[in-house]
Amino acid sequence: MSEERIEKLEIDLAHANHTIDELNAVVIEQGKQIDRLTRKLMEMTDQIDELIETGLPTHRIDKPPHY
């Protein structure tokens, strides 16, 4: 293998490793964001369930008198 080919492979490998590191950081941040959103969704779901249990006023749909 020529010295030029080895050098090109080393440069390509360095760029690939840099890209992998950047993508890994993005994936880690997205995982954290998913965890935060999941916790928030669970909190909101619990709040909705609590409102339903405490007797959130409901609207009855009655038939009009002519039916």
Protein backbone atom coordinates (compact mmCIF):
# COMPACT_ATOMS: atom_id res chain seq x y z
CA MET A 1 0.00 0.00 0.00
CA SER A 2 1.35 3.40 -0.85
CA GLU A 3 2.01 6.03 1.77
CA GLU A 4 -0.57 8.32 0.13
CA ARG A 5 -3.30 5.68 0.35
CA ILE A 6 -2.54 5.03 4.01
CA GLU A 7 -2.61 8.75 4.76
CA LYS A 8 -5.96 9.12 2.95
CA LEU A 9 -7.39 6.18 4.91
CA GLU A 10 -6.19 7.72 8.17
CA ILE A 11 -7.80 11.05 7.27
CA ASP A 12 -11.04 9.35 6.28
CA LEU A 13 -11.02 7.37 9.53
CA ALA A 14 -10.46 10.54 11.56
CA HIS A 15 -13.41 12.22 9.82
CA ALA A 16 -15.58 9.13 10.36
CA ASN A 17 -14.68 9.02 14.06
CA HIS A 18 -15.49 12.73 14.40
CA THR A 19 -18.87 12.20 12.72
CA ILE A 20 -19.61 9.23 14.97
CA ASP A 21 -18.79 11.31 18.05
CA GLU A 22 -21.09 14.12 16.87
CA LEU A 23 -23.92 11.71 16.12
CA ASN A 24 -23.46 10.03 19.49
CA ALA A 25 -23.81 13.40 21.24
CA VAL A 26 -27.02 14.09 19.30
CA VAL A 27 -28.45 10.67 20.20
CA ILE A 28 -27.61 11.18 23.88
CA GLU A 29 -29.30 14.61 23.90
CA GLN A 30 -32.36 13.23 22.13
CA GLY A 31 -32.58 10.44 24.70
CA LYS A 32 -32.57 13.02 27.49
CA GLN A 33 -35.24 15.03 25.72
CA ILE A 34 -37.40 11.92 25.24
CA ASP A 35 -37.05 11.16 28.96
CA ARG A 36 -38.11 14.72 29.88
CA LEU A 37 -41.08 14.61 27.52
CA THR A 38 -42.12 11.18 28.78
CA ARG A 39 -42.06 12.42 32.39
CA LYS A 40 -44.08 15.51 31.42
CA LEU A 41 -46.62 13.39 29.56
CA MET A 42 -46.99 11.12 32.59
CA GLU A 43 -47.51 14.16 34.85
CA MET A 44 -50.16 15.57 32.54
CA THR A 45 -51.87 12.18 32.23
CA ASP A 46 -51.96 11.93 36.03
CA GLN A 47 -53.46 15.42 36.24
CA ILE A 48 -56.16 14.53 33.73
CA ASP A 49 -56.95 11.31 35.59
CA GLU A 50 -57.19 13.28 38.85
CA LEU A 51 -59.55 15.81 37.28
CA ILE A 52 -61.75 13.02 35.99
CA GLU A 53 -61.80 11.31 39.40
CA THR A 54 -62.65 14.52 41.27
CA GLY A 55 -65.76 15.03 39.25
CA LEU A 56 -64.87 17.28 36.41
CA PRO A 57 -68.18 18.79 35.32
CA THR A 58 -69.51 16.92 32.36
CA HIS A 59 -71.91 18.13 29.76
CA ARG A 60 -74.89 15.89 29.22
CA ILE A 61 -76.18 15.65 25.74
CA ASP A 62 -79.93 15.41 25.99
CA LYS A 63 -82.23 14.87 23.07
CA PRO A 64 -84.22 17.94 22.17
CA PRO A 65 -87.83 17.81 23.45
CA HIS A 66 -89.31 17.10 20.03
CA TYR A 67 -87.62 13.67 19.80
